[in-house]
Amino acid sequence: MIISKDFNASQFARDAEFTTNKEDRPLIVQFAANDAFELASASEKVIKYCDGIDINCGCPQRWVMSEGYGSALLNHPELIADMVRQTKMITNGIPVSIKIRIDAKDKQYVTPNSQLFLELIFNLIFNLNSLLSFKNFST
């Protein structure tokens, strides 16, 4: 998980957090973000080198949630939808996915606005189909 804000702000962070090679495929880059512009900007920096962008909306660590990343985003489906939308606009067809984790023990369920929820599900289904059709994809 790469923090998009730090990735955008520092060449040192980019060099430390993201390295790859041509045999590292398929490659999905996962970002932690709480701002659509920051996420889209960070994604733009890696799209030449990866096969997909993943937004971490599932990390339950306290420090992550205190920054508004990870599971904290599940309480803001409109922000998730905006991040998916803005990132998809700059990725030229590269799939954009979200990682979620819902803690059944704590009964923390999300009841997002149905239109936003349907848009997110559509994007995930579309991206899953795109990823599965990737020529070199294997399990």
C-alpha atoms as a PDB file:
ATOM      1  CA  MET A   1       0.000   0.000   0.000  1.00  0.00           C
ATOM      2  CA  ILE A   2       1.417   3.326  -1.129  1.00  0.00           C
ATOM      3  CA  ILE A   3       0.197   6.580   0.428  1.00  0.00           C
ATOM      4  CA  SER A   4      -0.819   8.667  -2.595  1.00  0.00           C
ATOM      5  CA  LYS A   5      -0.184  12.049  -0.956  1.00  0.00           C
ATOM      6  CA  ASP A   6       3.408  11.123  -0.008  1.00  0.00           C
ATOM      7  CA  PHE A   7       3.977   9.493  -3.396  1.00  0.00           C
ATOM      8  CA  ASN A   8       2.985  12.726  -5.141  1.00  0.00           C
ATOM      9  CA  ALA A   9       5.000  14.963  -2.831  1.00  0.00           C
ATOM     10  CA  SER A  10       8.387  13.279  -2.993  1.00  0.00           C
ATOM     11  CA  GLN A  11      10.639  11.705  -5.591  1.00  0.00           C
ATOM     12  CA  PHE A  12      12.334   9.924  -2.675  1.00  0.00           C
ATOM     13  CA  ALA A  13       8.982   8.365  -1.711  1.00  0.00           C
ATOM     14  CA  ARG A  14       8.340   7.323  -5.321  1.00  0.00           C
ATOM     15  CA  ASP A  15      11.765   5.684  -5.559  1.00  0.00           C
ATOM     16  CA  ALA A  16      11.366   3.952  -2.188  1.00  0.00           C
ATOM     17  CA  GLU A  17       7.762   2.800  -2.625  1.00  0.00           C
ATOM     18  CA  PHE A  18       7.568   1.738  -6.256  1.00  0.00           C
ATOM     19  CA  THR A  19       9.996  -0.375  -8.219  1.00  0.00           C
ATOM     20  CA  THR A  20       9.225  -2.993 -10.808  1.00  0.00           C
ATOM     21  CA  ASN A  21      10.584  -4.768 -13.859  1.00  0.00           C
ATOM     22  CA  LYS A  22       9.136  -6.022 -17.144  1.00  0.00           C
ATOM     23  CA  GLU A  23       8.605  -9.528 -15.755  1.00  0.00           C
ATOM     24  CA  ASP A  24       6.531  -8.242 -12.854  1.00  0.00           C
ATOM     25  CA  ARG A  25       3.182  -8.791 -14.618  1.00  0.00           C
ATOM     26  CA  PRO A  26       0.309  -8.580 -14.088  1.00  0.00           C
ATOM     27  CA  LEU A  27       0.998  -5.798 -11.616  1.00  0.00           C
ATOM     28  CA  ILE A  28      -1.670  -4.016  -9.589  1.00  0.00           C
ATOM     29  CA  VAL A  29      -0.562  -0.933  -7.636  1.00  0.00           C
ATOM     30  CA  GLN A  30      -2.478  -0.320  -4.407  1.00  0.00           C
ATOM     31  CA  PHE A  31      -2.821   3.199  -3.051  1.00  0.00           C
ATOM     32  CA  ALA A  32      -4.139   4.555   0.211  1.00  0.00           C
ATOM     33  CA  ALA A  33      -5.909   7.835  -0.467  1.00  0.00           C
ATOM     34  CA  ASN A  34      -8.516  10.145   0.987  1.00  0.00           C
ATOM     35  CA  ASP A  35      -8.592  12.633  -1.884  1.00  0.00           C
ATOM     36  CA  ALA A  36      -9.610  11.932  -5.470  1.00  0.00           C
ATOM     37  CA  PHE A  37      -7.131  14.370  -7.018  1.00  0.00           C
ATOM     38  CA  GLU A  38      -4.198  12.949  -5.026  1.00  0.00           C
ATOM     39  CA  LEU A  39      -5.144   9.408  -6.033  1.00  0.00           C
ATOM     40  CA  ALA A  40      -5.553  10.262  -9.711  1.00  0.00           C
ATOM     41  CA  SER A  41      -2.256  12.136  -9.716  1.00  0.00           C
ATOM     42  CA  ALA A  42      -0.389   9.244  -8.051  1.00  0.00           C
ATOM     43  CA  SER A  43      -2.024   6.763 -10.430  1.00  0.00           C
ATOM     44  CA  GLU A  44      -0.930   8.809 -13.416  1.00  0.00           C
ATOM     45  CA  LYS A  45       2.686   8.374 -12.289  1.00  0.00           C
ATOM     46  CA  VAL A  46       2.502   4.546 -12.426  1.00  0.00           C
ATOM     47  CA  ILE A  47       0.065   3.709 -15.236  1.00  0.00           C
ATOM     48  CA  LYS A  48       2.867   3.081 -17.736  1.00  0.00           C
ATOM     49  CA  TYR A  49       4.238   0.355 -15.470  1.00  0.00           C
ATOM     50  CA  CYS A  50       1.164  -1.483 -14.175  1.00  0.00           C
ATOM     51  CA  ASP A  51      -1.980  -3.309 -15.210  1.00  0.00           C
ATOM     52  CA  GLY A  52      -4.354  -1.885 -12.625  1.00  0.00           C
ATOM     53  CA  ILE A  53      -4.872   0.529  -9.762  1.00  0.00           C
ATOM     54  CA  ASP A  54      -6.397  -0.605  -6.470  1.00  0.00           C
ATOM     55  CA  ILE A  55      -7.776   1.724  -3.802  1.00  0.00           C
ATOM     56  CA  ASN A  56      -7.337   0.405  -0.276  1.00  0.00           C
ATOM     57  CA  CYS A  57     -10.715   0.761   1.427  1.00  0.00           C
ATOM     58  CA  GLY A  58     -10.172  -2.161   3.760  1.00  0.00           C
ATOM     59  CA  CYS A  59      -7.216  -1.601   6.069  1.00  0.00           C
ATOM     60  CA  PRO A  60      -8.465  -1.518   9.680  1.00  0.00           C
ATOM     61  CA  GLN A  61      -5.238  -0.297  11.309  1.00  0.00           C
ATOM     62  CA  ARG A  62      -5.851   2.649  13.626  1.00  0.00           C
ATOM     63  CA  TRP A  63      -3.205   4.929  12.107  1.00  0.00           C
ATOM     64  CA  VAL A  64      -4.590   4.282   8.616  1.00  0.00           C
ATOM     65  CA  MET A  65      -8.144   5.014   9.668  1.00  0.00           C
ATOM     66  CA  SER A  66      -7.105   8.132  11.614  1.00  0.00           C
ATOM     67  CA  GLU A  67      -5.731   9.553   8.342  1.00  0.00           C
ATOM     68  CA  GLY A  68      -9.036   8.825   6.576  1.00  0.00           C
ATOM     69  CA  TYR A  69      -7.619   5.915   4.550  1.00  0.00           C
ATOM     70  CA  GLY A  70      -8.541   2.233   4.467  1.00  0.00           C
ATOM     71  CA  SER A  71     -11.732   1.153   6.200  1.00  0.00           C
ATOM     72  CA  ALA A  72     -12.512   4.752   7.176  1.00  0.00           C
ATOM     73  CA  LEU A  73     -13.461   5.336   3.539  1.00  0.00           C
ATOM     74  CA  LEU A  74     -16.363   2.884   3.782  1.00  0.00           C
ATOM     75  CA  ASN A  75     -18.276   5.580   5.656  1.00  0.00           C
ATOM     76  CA  HIS A  76     -17.841   7.888   2.637  1.00  0.00           C
ATOM     77  CA  PRO A  77     -19.083   6.017  -0.452  1.00  0.00           C
ATOM     78  CA  GLU A  78     -19.418   9.289  -2.375  1.00  0.00           C
ATOM     79  CA  LEU A  79     -15.677   9.892  -1.904  1.00  0.00           C
ATOM     80  CA  ILE A  80     -14.884   6.339  -3.033  1.00  0.00           C
ATOM     81  CA  ALA A  81     -17.041   6.851  -6.131  1.00  0.00           C
ATOM     82  CA  ASP A  82     -15.285  10.167  -6.872  1.00  0.00           C
ATOM     83  CA  MET A  83     -11.859   8.543  -6.469  1.00  0.00           C
ATOM     84  CA  VAL A  84     -12.830   5.711  -8.832  1.00  0.00           C
ATOM     85  CA  ARG A  85     -14.288   8.184 -11.357  1.00  0.00           C
ATOM     86  CA  GLN A  86     -11.320  10.559 -11.375  1.00  0.00           C
ATOM     87  CA  THR A  87      -8.758   7.770 -11.475  1.00  0.00           C
ATOM     88  CA  LYS A  88     -10.540   5.988 -14.335  1.00  0.00           C
ATOM     89  CA  MET A  89     -10.458   9.242 -16.326  1.00  0.00           C
ATOM     90  CA  ILE A  90      -6.654   9.234 -16.402  1.00  0.00           C
ATOM     91  CA  THR A  91      -5.895   5.508 -16.591  1.00  0.00           C
ATOM     92  CA  ASN A  92      -6.736   4.961 -20.278  1.00  0.00           C
ATOM     93  CA  GLY A  93      -8.726   1.781 -19.696  1.00  0.00           C
ATOM     94  CA  ILE A  94      -6.510   0.292 -17.000  1.00  0.00           C
ATOM     95  CA  PRO A  95      -8.793  -1.268 -14.358  1.00  0.00           C
ATOM     96  CA  VAL A  96      -9.443   0.620 -11.127  1.00  0.00           C
ATOM     97  CA  SER A  97     -10.603  -1.531  -8.224  1.00  0.00           C
ATOM     98  CA  ILE A  98     -11.334  -1.108  -4.544  1.00  0.00           C
ATOM     99  CA  LYS A  99     -10.345  -3.399  -1.695  1.00  0.00           C
ATOM    100  CA  ILE A 100     -12.886  -3.609   1.094  1.00  0.00           C
ATOM    101  CA  ARG A 101     -13.046  -5.493   4.352  1.00  0.00           C
ATOM    102  CA  ILE A 102     -16.106  -5.492   6.569  1.00  0.00           C
ATOM    103  CA  ASP A 103     -15.608  -6.684  10.131  1.00  0.00           C
ATOM    104  CA  ALA A 104     -18.565  -8.948  10.887  1.00  0.00           C
ATOM    105  CA  LYS A 105     -17.485  -9.346  14.520  1.00  0.00           C
ATOM    106  CA  ASP A 106     -17.934  -5.641  15.178  1.00  0.00           C
ATOM    107  CA  LYS A 107     -21.082  -5.443  13.028  1.00  0.00           C
ATOM    108  CA  GLN A 108     -19.630  -2.537  11.067  1.00  0.00           C
ATOM    109  CA  TYR A 109     -21.669  -2.681   7.913  1.00  0.00           C
ATOM    110  CA  VAL A 110     -21.937   0.021   5.324  1.00  0.00           C
ATOM    111  CA  THR A 111     -25.231   1.158   3.855  1.00  0.00           C
ATOM    112  CA  PRO A 112     -24.128   3.376   0.985  1.00  0.00           C
ATOM    113  CA  ASN A 113     -26.375   5.475  -1.191  1.00  0.00           C
ATOM    114  CA  SER A 114     -27.794   2.925  -3.636  1.00  0.00           C
ATOM    115  CA  GLN A 115     -26.878   4.894  -6.784  1.00  0.00           C
ATOM    116  CA  LEU A 116     -23.252   5.273  -5.684  1.00  0.00           C
ATOM    117  CA  PHE A 117     -23.131   1.661  -4.571  1.00  0.00           C
ATOM    118  CA  LEU A 118     -24.445   0.480  -7.956  1.00  0.00           C
ATOM    119  CA  GLU A 119     -21.878   2.662  -9.739  1.00  0.00           C
ATOM    120  CA  LEU A 120     -19.063   1.149  -7.677  1.00  0.00           C
ATOM    121  CA  ILE A 121     -20.323  -2.388  -8.341  1.00  0.00           C
ATOM    122  CA  PHE A 122     -20.564  -1.643 -12.078  1.00  0.00           C
ATOM    123  CA  ASN A 123     -16.976  -0.372 -12.078  1.00  0.00           C
ATOM    124  CA  LEU A 124     -15.771  -3.429 -10.198  1.00  0.00           C
ATOM    125  CA  ILE A 125     -17.534  -5.843 -12.564  1.00  0.00           C
ATOM    126  CA  PHE A 126     -16.256  -3.961 -15.612  1.00  0.00           C
ATOM    127  CA  ASN A 127     -12.724  -3.969 -14.196  1.00  0.00           C
ATOM    128  CA  LEU A 128     -12.849  -7.655 -13.272  1.00  0.00           C
ATOM    129  CA  ASN A 129     -13.807  -8.474 -16.859  1.00  0.00           C
ATOM    130  CA  SER A 130     -10.969  -6.269 -18.121  1.00  0.00           C
ATOM    131  CA  LEU A 131      -8.484  -7.924 -15.800  1.00  0.00           C
ATOM    132  CA  LEU A 132      -9.596 -11.448 -16.715  1.00  0.00           C
ATOM    133  CA  SER A 133      -9.228 -10.667 -20.401  1.00  0.00           C
ATOM    134  CA  PHE A 134      -5.650  -9.466 -19.878  1.00  0.00           C
ATOM    135  CA  LYS A 135      -3.652 -11.796 -22.128  1.00  0.00           C
ATOM    136  CA  ASN A 136      -0.987 -12.810 -19.616  1.00  0.00           C
ATOM    137  CA  PHE A 137      -3.319 -13.177 -16.646  1.00  0.00           C
ATOM    138  CA  SER A 138      -2.949 -16.469 -14.831  1.00  0.00           C
ATOM    139  CA  THR A 139      -3.877 -17.717 -11.400  1.00  0.00           C
END
